Amino acid sequence: MSTTWIMVCDAAKARLFETRSRAVPWTVLETTLHAESRSKGSELVSDHSGSRASQGASAHHDALAPSSAPKEVTKAHFAHTLVKTLEQARCEGRFDSWIAVAPPHFLGSLRSELTVELGKLLVATLDKDLSQLSRGEIEDRLHDMIPVPLGEPPLLEESRSHWG
């Protein structure tokens, strides 16, 4: 039987679900919170980011200014952490395919971190923020995105409502 993982996330929270069939409710595997992504940008940097070089009476610039906004770096780090978790599970053979659901910008961050092998197992993406919905609500919205394993007949609408 085929195993599909579904990652539903935003830049501060990720939930990982598993399903082996469309007819069986999803299992929650893991919830990861990333509080730094909810912080204000000013809270993510120290007061002394580098020396300052004077360029006249009122013009200053940071000699060691970061090339990216601290908040973007924090979000990219979270995306990297999530993909690392998926890659480890892929190496262990824990799933056969996976689906990513995230707001457009964060979905792009996830995609930029994917390995070639992990990218081959990605069967669907949805660029929406569903991270605040319950498991059941997410499952209802994504039902048709779940691959149907070989030998398993697609569910009819009548039988699907039995599980809803």
N, C-alpha and C. Protein backbone atom coordinates (compact mmCIF):
# COMPACT_ATOMS: atom_id res chain seq x y z
N MET A 1 0.85 -1.18 0.00
CA MET A 1 0.00 0.00 0.00
C MET A 1 0.89 1.24 0.00
N SER A 2 0.52 2.22 -0.75
CA SER A 2 1.27 3.45 -0.92
C SER A 2 1.02 4.42 0.25
N THR A 3 2.08 5.12 0.67
CA THR A 3 1.97 6.10 1.75
C THR A 3 2.23 7.49 1.20
N THR A 4 1.31 8.40 1.46
CA THR A 4 1.45 9.80 1.05
C THR A 4 1.55 10.67 2.29
N TRP A 5 2.51 11.56 2.29
CA TRP A 5 2.63 12.56 3.35
C TRP A 5 2.13 13.89 2.81
N ILE A 6 1.49 14.65 3.66
CA ILE A 6 0.98 15.97 3.31
C ILE A 6 1.55 16.98 4.29
N MET A 7 2.30 17.95 3.79
CA MET A 7 2.84 19.00 4.64
C MET A 7 2.02 20.26 4.40
N VAL A 8 1.37 20.74 5.47
CA VAL A 8 0.58 21.96 5.43
C VAL A 8 1.29 22.95 6.34
N CYS A 9 1.74 24.06 5.77
CA CYS A 9 2.57 24.96 6.57
C CYS A 9 2.44 26.41 6.13
N ASP A 10 2.95 27.26 6.99
CA ASP A 10 3.23 28.65 6.66
C ASP A 10 4.63 28.90 7.20
N ALA A 11 5.05 30.13 7.27
CA ALA A 11 6.42 30.42 7.69
C ALA A 11 6.67 30.20 9.17
N ALA A 12 5.62 29.91 9.95
CA ALA A 12 5.79 29.76 11.39
C ALA A 12 5.28 28.44 11.96
N LYS A 13 4.57 27.66 11.15
CA LYS A 13 3.99 26.42 11.67
C LYS A 13 3.88 25.41 10.53
N ALA A 14 4.18 24.17 10.85
CA ALA A 14 4.04 23.10 9.86
C ALA A 14 3.39 21.90 10.52
N ARG A 15 2.45 21.30 9.79
CA ARG A 15 1.84 20.05 10.24
C ARG A 15 2.08 19.02 9.15
N LEU A 16 2.47 17.85 9.59
CA LEU A 16 2.74 16.77 8.67
C LEU A 16 1.74 15.65 8.93
N PHE A 17 1.05 15.27 7.86
CA PHE A 17 0.02 14.24 7.94
C PHE A 17 0.45 13.05 7.08
N GLU A 18 -0.14 11.89 7.38
CA GLU A 18 0.11 10.70 6.59
C GLU A 18 -1.21 10.05 6.24
N THR A 19 -1.28 9.53 5.03
CA THR A 19 -2.45 8.75 4.62
C THR A 19 -1.98 7.60 3.75
N ARG A 20 -2.69 6.51 3.86
CA ARG A 20 -2.40 5.33 3.03
C ARG A 20 -3.56 5.03 2.09
N SER A 21 -4.65 5.77 2.26
CA SER A 21 -5.84 5.54 1.45
C SER A 21 -6.76 6.76 1.56
N ARG A 22 -7.50 7.02 0.52
CA ARG A 22 -8.47 8.11 0.58
C ARG A 22 -9.61 7.80 1.55
N ALA A 23 -9.82 6.53 1.83
CA ALA A 23 -10.96 6.12 2.66
C ALA A 23 -10.65 6.15 4.16
N VAL A 24 -9.42 6.45 4.53
CA VAL A 24 -9.03 6.41 5.93
C VAL A 24 -8.61 7.82 6.36
N PRO A 25 -9.10 8.29 7.51
CA PRO A 25 -8.70 9.62 7.98
C PRO A 25 -7.18 9.73 8.13
N TRP A 26 -6.67 10.91 7.92
CA TRP A 26 -5.24 11.15 8.01
C TRP A 26 -4.74 11.02 9.43
N THR A 27 -3.48 10.66 9.55
CA THR A 27 -2.80 10.60 10.83
C THR A 27 -1.89 11.82 10.94
N VAL A 28 -1.91 12.50 12.07
CA VAL A 28 -0.99 13.61 12.31
C VAL A 28 0.34 13.01 12.75
N LEU A 29 1.40 13.27 12.00
CA LEU A 29 2.72 12.75 12.34
C LEU A 29 3.50 13.71 13.22
N GLU A 30 3.38 14.99 12.90
CA GLU A 30 4.23 15.96 13.58
C GLU A 30 3.68 17.37 13.39
N THR A 31 3.86 18.19 14.41
CA THR A 31 3.56 19.62 14.32
C THR A 31 4.83 20.35 14.74
N THR A 32 5.28 21.27 13.91
CA THR A 32 6.49 22.02 14.19
C THR A 32 6.15 23.50 14.23
N LEU A 33 6.52 24.14 15.32
CA LEU A 33 6.31 25.58 15.45
C LEU A 33 7.65 26.29 15.32
N HIS A 34 7.64 27.43 14.66
CA HIS A 34 8.86 28.22 14.46
C HIS A 34 8.55 29.65 14.91
N ALA A 35 8.67 29.88 16.20
CA ALA A 35 8.28 31.16 16.81
C ALA A 35 9.05 32.34 16.23
N GLU A 36 10.30 32.12 15.82
CA GLU A 36 11.10 33.22 15.28
C GLU A 36 10.44 33.87 14.07
N SER A 37 9.70 33.10 13.30
CA SER A 37 9.04 33.65 12.12
C SER A 37 7.91 34.61 12.47
N ARG A 38 7.39 34.50 13.67
CA ARG A 38 6.33 35.41 14.11
C ARG A 38 6.90 36.68 14.75
N SER A 39 8.22 36.68 15.00
CA SER A 39 8.86 37.84 15.63
C SER A 39 8.95 39.00 14.65
N LYS A 40 9.03 40.20 15.20
CA LYS A 40 9.26 41.38 14.37
C LYS A 40 10.69 41.35 13.90
N GLY A 41 10.94 41.91 12.74
CA GLY A 41 12.29 41.96 12.20
C GLY A 41 13.27 42.60 13.15
N SER A 42 12.85 43.64 13.86
CA SER A 42 13.74 44.33 14.79
C SER A 42 14.12 43.46 15.98
N GLU A 43 13.30 42.44 16.28
CA GLU A 43 13.60 41.54 17.39
C GLU A 43 14.59 40.45 16.99
N LEU A 44 14.83 40.30 15.69
CA LEU A 44 15.69 39.23 15.21
C LEU A 44 17.14 39.65 15.06
N VAL A 45 17.44 40.95 15.18
CA VAL A 45 18.81 41.42 15.03
C VAL A 45 19.25 42.11 16.31
N SER A 46 20.54 42.08 16.56
CA SER A 46 21.06 42.75 17.75
C SER A 46 21.18 44.24 17.49
N ASP A 47 21.43 45.00 18.54
CA ASP A 47 21.57 46.44 18.40
C ASP A 47 22.89 46.82 17.72
N HIS A 48 23.84 45.92 17.73
CA HIS A 48 25.16 46.22 17.17
C HIS A 48 25.44 45.28 16.00
N SER A 49 24.93 45.60 14.82
CA SER A 49 25.09 44.72 13.67
C SER A 49 26.42 44.92 12.97
N GLY A 50 27.23 45.85 13.39
CA GLY A 50 28.53 46.09 12.77
C GLY A 50 28.95 47.52 12.99
N SER A 51 30.12 47.82 12.52
CA SER A 51 30.60 49.20 12.71
C SER A 51 29.92 50.12 11.73
N ARG A 52 29.88 51.36 12.06
CA ARG A 52 29.24 52.33 11.20
C ARG A 52 30.30 53.26 10.65
N ALA A 53 30.23 53.54 9.39
CA ALA A 53 31.19 54.44 8.76
C ALA A 53 30.48 55.73 8.42
N SER A 54 31.03 56.82 8.83
CA SER A 54 30.41 58.12 8.58
C SER A 54 30.61 58.54 7.13
N GLN A 55 29.58 59.07 6.54
CA GLN A 55 29.64 59.57 5.17
C GLN A 55 29.05 60.98 5.14
N GLY A 56 29.52 61.82 5.99
CA GLY A 56 29.00 63.17 6.04
C GLY A 56 28.25 63.39 7.34
N ALA A 57 27.65 64.53 7.49
CA ALA A 57 27.01 64.92 8.73
C ALA A 57 25.82 64.05 9.09
N SER A 58 25.00 63.63 8.12
CA SER A 58 23.79 62.88 8.46
C SER A 58 23.68 61.53 7.77
N ALA A 59 24.62 61.18 6.92
CA ALA A 59 24.53 59.93 6.18
C ALA A 59 25.38 58.85 6.86
N HIS A 60 24.77 57.70 7.15
CA HIS A 60 25.47 56.55 7.74
C HIS A 60 24.99 55.30 7.04
N HIS A 61 25.85 54.31 7.00
CA HIS A 61 25.39 53.00 6.55
C HIS A 61 26.11 51.94 7.36
N ASP A 62 25.51 50.78 7.46
CA ASP A 62 26.11 49.70 8.21
C ASP A 62 27.18 49.04 7.37
N ALA A 63 28.39 48.94 7.91
CA ALA A 63 29.48 48.30 7.20
C ALA A 63 29.23 46.81 7.03
N LEU A 64 28.50 46.22 7.95
CA LEU A 64 28.21 44.79 7.89
C LEU A 64 26.71 44.54 7.75
N ALA A 65 26.05 45.31 6.92
CA ALA A 65 24.60 45.16 6.74
C ALA A 65 24.29 43.80 6.13
N PRO A 66 23.26 43.14 6.63
CA PRO A 66 22.90 41.82 6.06
C PRO A 66 22.39 41.97 4.64
N SER A 67 22.65 40.94 3.82
CA SER A 67 22.21 41.00 2.43
C SER A 67 20.72 40.70 2.29
N SER A 68 20.12 40.08 3.28
CA SER A 68 18.69 39.77 3.28
C SER A 68 18.07 40.25 4.58
N ALA A 69 16.80 40.55 4.53
CA ALA A 69 16.09 40.96 5.74
C ALA A 69 16.11 39.80 6.73
N PRO A 70 16.28 40.09 8.01
CA PRO A 70 16.34 39.02 9.03
C PRO A 70 15.12 38.11 9.01
N LYS A 71 13.95 38.67 8.76
CA LYS A 71 12.73 37.86 8.74
C LYS A 71 12.76 36.85 7.58
N GLU A 72 13.27 37.28 6.43
CA GLU A 72 13.38 36.38 5.28
C GLU A 72 14.40 35.27 5.54
N VAL A 73 15.49 35.61 6.19
CA VAL A 73 16.50 34.60 6.54
C VAL A 73 15.90 33.57 7.49
N THR A 74 15.12 34.03 8.46
CA THR A 74 14.49 33.14 9.42
C THR A 74 13.50 32.20 8.73
N LYS A 75 12.70 32.74 7.81
CA LYS A 75 11.74 31.90 7.07
C LYS A 75 12.47 30.88 6.20
N ALA A 76 13.56 31.30 5.56
CA ALA A 76 14.33 30.38 4.72
C ALA A 76 14.93 29.27 5.57
N HIS A 77 15.36 29.60 6.77
CA HIS A 77 15.92 28.58 7.67
C HIS A 77 14.84 27.56 8.06
N PHE A 78 13.63 28.04 8.31
CA PHE A 78 12.53 27.13 8.65
C PHE A 78 12.22 26.21 7.46
N ALA A 79 12.18 26.77 6.26
CA ALA A 79 11.93 25.96 5.07
C ALA A 79 13.03 24.89 4.93
N HIS A 80 14.26 25.28 5.15
CA HIS A 80 15.39 24.34 5.07
C HIS A 80 15.21 23.21 6.09
N THR A 81 14.82 23.56 7.31
CA THR A 81 14.61 22.57 8.37
C THR A 81 13.51 21.58 7.99
N LEU A 82 12.42 22.08 7.43
CA LEU A 82 11.31 21.21 7.03
C LEU A 82 11.73 20.25 5.92
N VAL A 83 12.43 20.77 4.93
CA VAL A 83 12.88 19.93 3.82
C VAL A 83 13.90 18.89 4.31
N LYS A 84 14.73 19.28 5.24
CA LYS A 84 15.70 18.33 5.81
C LYS A 84 14.98 17.17 6.49
N THR A 85 13.90 17.47 7.20
CA THR A 85 13.09 16.43 7.84
C THR A 85 12.49 15.49 6.80
N LEU A 86 11.94 16.07 5.73
CA LEU A 86 11.36 15.26 4.65
C LEU A 86 12.43 14.41 3.97
N GLU A 87 13.58 14.99 3.72
CA GLU A 87 14.66 14.26 3.04
C GLU A 87 15.13 13.07 3.88
N GLN A 88 15.23 13.26 5.17
CA GLN A 88 15.63 12.15 6.04
C GLN A 88 14.59 11.03 5.99
N ALA A 89 13.31 11.41 6.05
CA ALA A 89 12.23 10.41 5.98
C ALA A 89 12.23 9.72 4.62
N ARG A 90 12.51 10.45 3.56
CA ARG A 90 12.58 9.84 2.22
C ARG A 90 13.68 8.79 2.18
N CYS A 91 14.84 9.12 2.74
CA CYS A 91 15.96 8.18 2.78
C CYS A 91 15.61 6.92 3.57
N GLU A 92 14.75 7.07 4.56
CA GLU A 92 14.33 5.93 5.38
C GLU A 92 13.16 5.17 4.75
N GLY A 93 12.65 5.66 3.62
CA GLY A 93 11.55 4.98 2.92
C GLY A 93 10.22 5.09 3.64
N ARG A 94 10.00 6.18 4.36
CA ARG A 94 8.79 6.31 5.17
C ARG A 94 7.57 6.76 4.37
N PHE A 95 7.75 7.27 3.15
CA PHE A 95 6.63 7.67 2.30
C PHE A 95 6.99 7.44 0.85
N ASP A 96 5.95 7.35 0.01
CA ASP A 96 6.14 7.11 -1.42
C ASP A 96 5.91 8.37 -2.24
N SER A 97 5.11 9.27 -1.71
CA SER A 97 4.82 10.53 -2.39
C SER A 97 4.45 11.55 -1.33
N TRP A 98 4.48 12.83 -1.70
CA TRP A 98 4.11 13.86 -0.74
C TRP A 98 3.50 15.05 -1.46
N ILE A 99 2.77 15.84 -0.67
CA ILE A 99 2.06 17.03 -1.15
C ILE A 99 2.47 18.20 -0.27
N ALA A 100 2.69 19.35 -0.87
CA ALA A 100 3.05 20.56 -0.12
C ALA A 100 1.94 21.59 -0.27
N VAL A 101 1.52 22.14 0.87
CA VAL A 101 0.49 23.18 0.89
C VAL A 101 1.03 24.33 1.74
N ALA A 102 1.17 25.50 1.11
CA ALA A 102 1.73 26.66 1.82
C ALA A 102 1.36 27.92 1.05
N PRO A 103 1.43 29.09 1.73
CA PRO A 103 1.23 30.35 1.01
C PRO A 103 2.28 30.46 -0.10
N PRO A 104 1.98 31.18 -1.17
CA PRO A 104 2.87 31.23 -2.34
C PRO A 104 4.35 31.51 -2.02
N HIS A 105 4.63 32.51 -1.22
CA HIS A 105 6.02 32.88 -0.95
C HIS A 105 6.75 31.76 -0.21
N PHE A 106 6.08 31.16 0.78
CA PHE A 106 6.75 30.11 1.54
C PHE A 106 6.86 28.83 0.72
N LEU A 107 5.90 28.57 -0.14
CA LEU A 107 5.99 27.42 -1.03
C LEU A 107 7.22 27.54 -1.92
N GLY A 108 7.49 28.76 -2.37
CA GLY A 108 8.70 29.01 -3.16
C GLY A 108 9.96 28.73 -2.36
N SER A 109 9.95 29.10 -1.08
CA SER A 109 11.10 28.82 -0.21
C SER A 109 11.30 27.31 -0.06
N LEU A 110 10.21 26.58 0.11
CA LEU A 110 10.31 25.12 0.21
C LEU A 110 10.88 24.52 -1.07
N ARG A 111 10.36 24.95 -2.20
CA ARG A 111 10.81 24.41 -3.49
C ARG A 111 12.30 24.67 -3.71
N SER A 112 12.77 25.84 -3.27
CA SER A 112 14.18 26.17 -3.49
C SER A 112 15.11 25.28 -2.66
N GLU A 113 14.59 24.63 -1.63
CA GLU A 113 15.40 23.78 -0.76
C GLU A 113 15.36 22.30 -1.15
N LEU A 114 14.46 21.92 -2.05
CA LEU A 114 14.27 20.50 -2.38
C LEU A 114 15.49 19.87 -3.03
N THR A 115 15.74 18.63 -2.66
CA THR A 115 16.73 17.83 -3.38
C THR A 115 16.04 17.28 -4.63
N VAL A 116 16.81 16.83 -5.58
CA VAL A 116 16.24 16.26 -6.80
C VAL A 116 15.35 15.06 -6.47
N GLU A 117 15.84 14.20 -5.58
CA GLU A 117 15.11 12.98 -5.23
C GLU A 117 13.78 13.31 -4.55
N LEU A 118 13.80 14.28 -3.63
CA LEU A 118 12.58 14.67 -2.94
C LEU A 118 11.60 15.34 -3.90
N GLY A 119 12.12 16.11 -4.83
CA GLY A 119 11.28 16.75 -5.84
C GLY A 119 10.55 15.75 -6.72
N LYS A 120 11.18 14.60 -6.97
CA LYS A 120 10.54 13.56 -7.79
C LYS A 120 9.33 12.94 -7.10
N LEU A 121 9.31 12.97 -5.76
CA LEU A 121 8.20 12.38 -5.01
C LEU A 121 7.07 13.37 -4.73
N LEU A 122 7.30 14.64 -5.05
CA LEU A 122 6.28 15.68 -4.85
C LEU A 122 5.22 15.56 -5.94
N VAL A 123 4.02 15.11 -5.56
CA VAL A 123 2.98 14.84 -6.55
C VAL A 123 2.02 16.00 -6.75
N ALA A 124 1.97 16.94 -5.79
CA ALA A 124 1.06 18.08 -5.93
C ALA A 124 1.47 19.19 -4.97
N THR A 125 1.16 20.41 -5.35
CA THR A 125 1.35 21.56 -4.48
C THR A 125 0.10 22.42 -4.53
N LEU A 126 -0.14 23.13 -3.46
CA LEU A 126 -1.25 24.07 -3.41
C LEU A 126 -0.74 25.33 -2.73
N ASP A 127 -0.80 26.46 -3.45
CA ASP A 127 -0.29 27.71 -2.90
C ASP A 127 -1.39 28.49 -2.18
N LYS A 128 -1.81 27.92 -1.06
CA LYS A 128 -2.82 28.54 -0.20
C LYS A 128 -2.40 28.34 1.24
N ASP A 129 -2.84 29.26 2.09
CA ASP A 129 -2.55 29.13 3.52
C ASP A 129 -3.72 28.42 4.19
N LEU A 130 -3.55 27.14 4.43
CA LEU A 130 -4.56 26.33 5.12
C LEU A 130 -4.09 25.96 6.52
N SER A 131 -3.02 26.57 6.97
CA SER A 131 -2.37 26.16 8.22
C SER A 131 -3.25 26.35 9.46
N GLN A 132 -4.25 27.21 9.39
CA GLN A 132 -5.09 27.46 10.56
C GLN A 132 -6.33 26.56 10.60
N LEU A 133 -6.52 25.76 9.57
CA LEU A 133 -7.69 24.88 9.52
C LEU A 133 -7.46 23.61 10.32
N SER A 134 -8.53 22.95 10.69
CA SER A 134 -8.43 21.67 11.40
C SER A 134 -8.01 20.57 10.42
N ARG A 135 -7.60 19.43 10.97
CA ARG A 135 -7.22 18.30 10.14
C ARG A 135 -8.35 17.91 9.20
N GLY A 136 -9.55 17.82 9.73
CA GLY A 136 -10.70 17.43 8.91
C GLY A 136 -10.99 18.41 7.79
N GLU A 137 -10.89 19.70 8.07
CA GLU A 137 -11.13 20.72 7.03
C GLU A 137 -10.06 20.64 5.94
N ILE A 138 -8.82 20.44 6.35
CA ILE A 138 -7.73 20.31 5.37
C ILE A 138 -7.94 19.06 4.53
N GLU A 139 -8.28 17.98 5.18
CA GLU A 139 -8.50 16.71 4.49
C GLU A 139 -9.62 16.85 3.46
N ASP A 140 -10.70 17.50 3.82
CA ASP A 140 -11.81 17.71 2.87
C ASP A 140 -11.36 18.52 1.66
N ARG A 141 -10.59 19.57 1.89
CA ARG A 141 -10.15 20.44 0.79
C ARG A 141 -9.15 19.76 -0.14
N LEU A 142 -8.34 18.86 0.42
CA LEU A 142 -7.27 18.25 -0.37
C LEU A 142 -7.58 16.83 -0.83
N HIS A 143 -8.75 16.35 -0.53
CA HIS A 143 -9.12 14.96 -0.81
C HIS A 143 -8.76 14.53 -2.23
N ASP A 144 -9.08 15.33 -3.21
CA ASP A 144 -8.86 14.95 -4.60
C ASP A 144 -7.40 15.02 -5.03
N MET A 145 -6.55 15.63 -4.21
CA MET A 145 -5.13 15.72 -4.55
C MET A 145 -4.37 14.46 -4.15
N ILE A 146 -4.95 13.64 -3.28
CA ILE A 146 -4.28 12.44 -2.79
C ILE A 146 -4.24 11.41 -3.91
N PRO A 147 -3.06 10.89 -4.24
CA PRO A 147 -2.99 9.87 -5.29
C PRO A 147 -3.74 8.60 -4.87
N VAL A 148 -4.42 8.02 -5.81
CA VAL A 148 -5.13 6.77 -5.53
C VAL A 148 -4.16 5.63 -5.82
N PRO A 149 -3.83 4.82 -4.81
CA PRO A 149 -2.90 3.70 -5.04
C PRO A 149 -3.46 2.72 -6.06
N LEU A 150 -2.57 2.05 -6.75
CA LEU A 150 -2.99 1.03 -7.71
C LEU A 150 -3.85 -0.02 -7.01
N GLY A 151 -4.92 -0.39 -7.66
CA GLY A 151 -5.79 -1.42 -7.09
C GLY A 151 -6.87 -0.87 -6.17
N GLU A 152 -6.79 0.40 -5.81
CA GLU A 152 -7.81 0.99 -4.94
C GLU A 152 -8.78 1.78 -5.80
N PRO A 153 -10.05 1.43 -5.78
CA PRO A 153 -11.01 2.16 -6.61
C PRO A 153 -11.24 3.57 -6.05
N PRO A 154 -11.43 4.55 -6.93
CA PRO A 154 -11.75 5.89 -6.45
C PRO A 154 -13.05 5.87 -5.66
N LEU A 155 -13.13 6.68 -4.63
CA LEU A 155 -14.36 6.74 -3.83
C LEU A 155 -15.44 7.49 -4.58
N LEU A 156 -16.65 7.04 -4.43
CA LEU A 156 -17.79 7.77 -4.95
C LEU A 156 -18.17 8.83 -3.94
N GLU A 157 -18.78 9.90 -4.38
CA GLU A 157 -19.18 10.98 -3.48
C GLU A 157 -20.05 10.48 -2.33
N GLU A 158 -20.93 9.51 -2.61
CA GLU A 158 -21.81 9.02 -1.55
C GLU A 158 -21.00 8.37 -0.43
N SER A 159 -20.02 7.57 -0.78
CA SER A 159 -19.24 6.90 0.26
C SER A 159 -18.29 7.87 0.95
N ARG A 160 -17.84 8.90 0.27
CA ARG A 160 -16.95 9.89 0.87
C ARG A 160 -17.65 10.64 1.99
N SER A 161 -18.92 10.95 1.79
CA SER A 161 -19.64 11.70 2.83
C SER A 161 -19.78 10.89 4.11
N HIS A 162 -19.70 9.57 3.99
CA HIS A 162 -19.73 8.71 5.18
C HIS A 162 -18.54 9.00 6.09
N TRP A 163 -17.40 9.35 5.53
CA TRP A 163 -16.18 9.60 6.30
C TRP A 163 -16.07 11.03 6.74
N GLY A 164 -16.80 11.95 6.14
CA GLY A 164 -16.67 13.37 6.43
C GLY A 164 -17.09 13.68 7.81
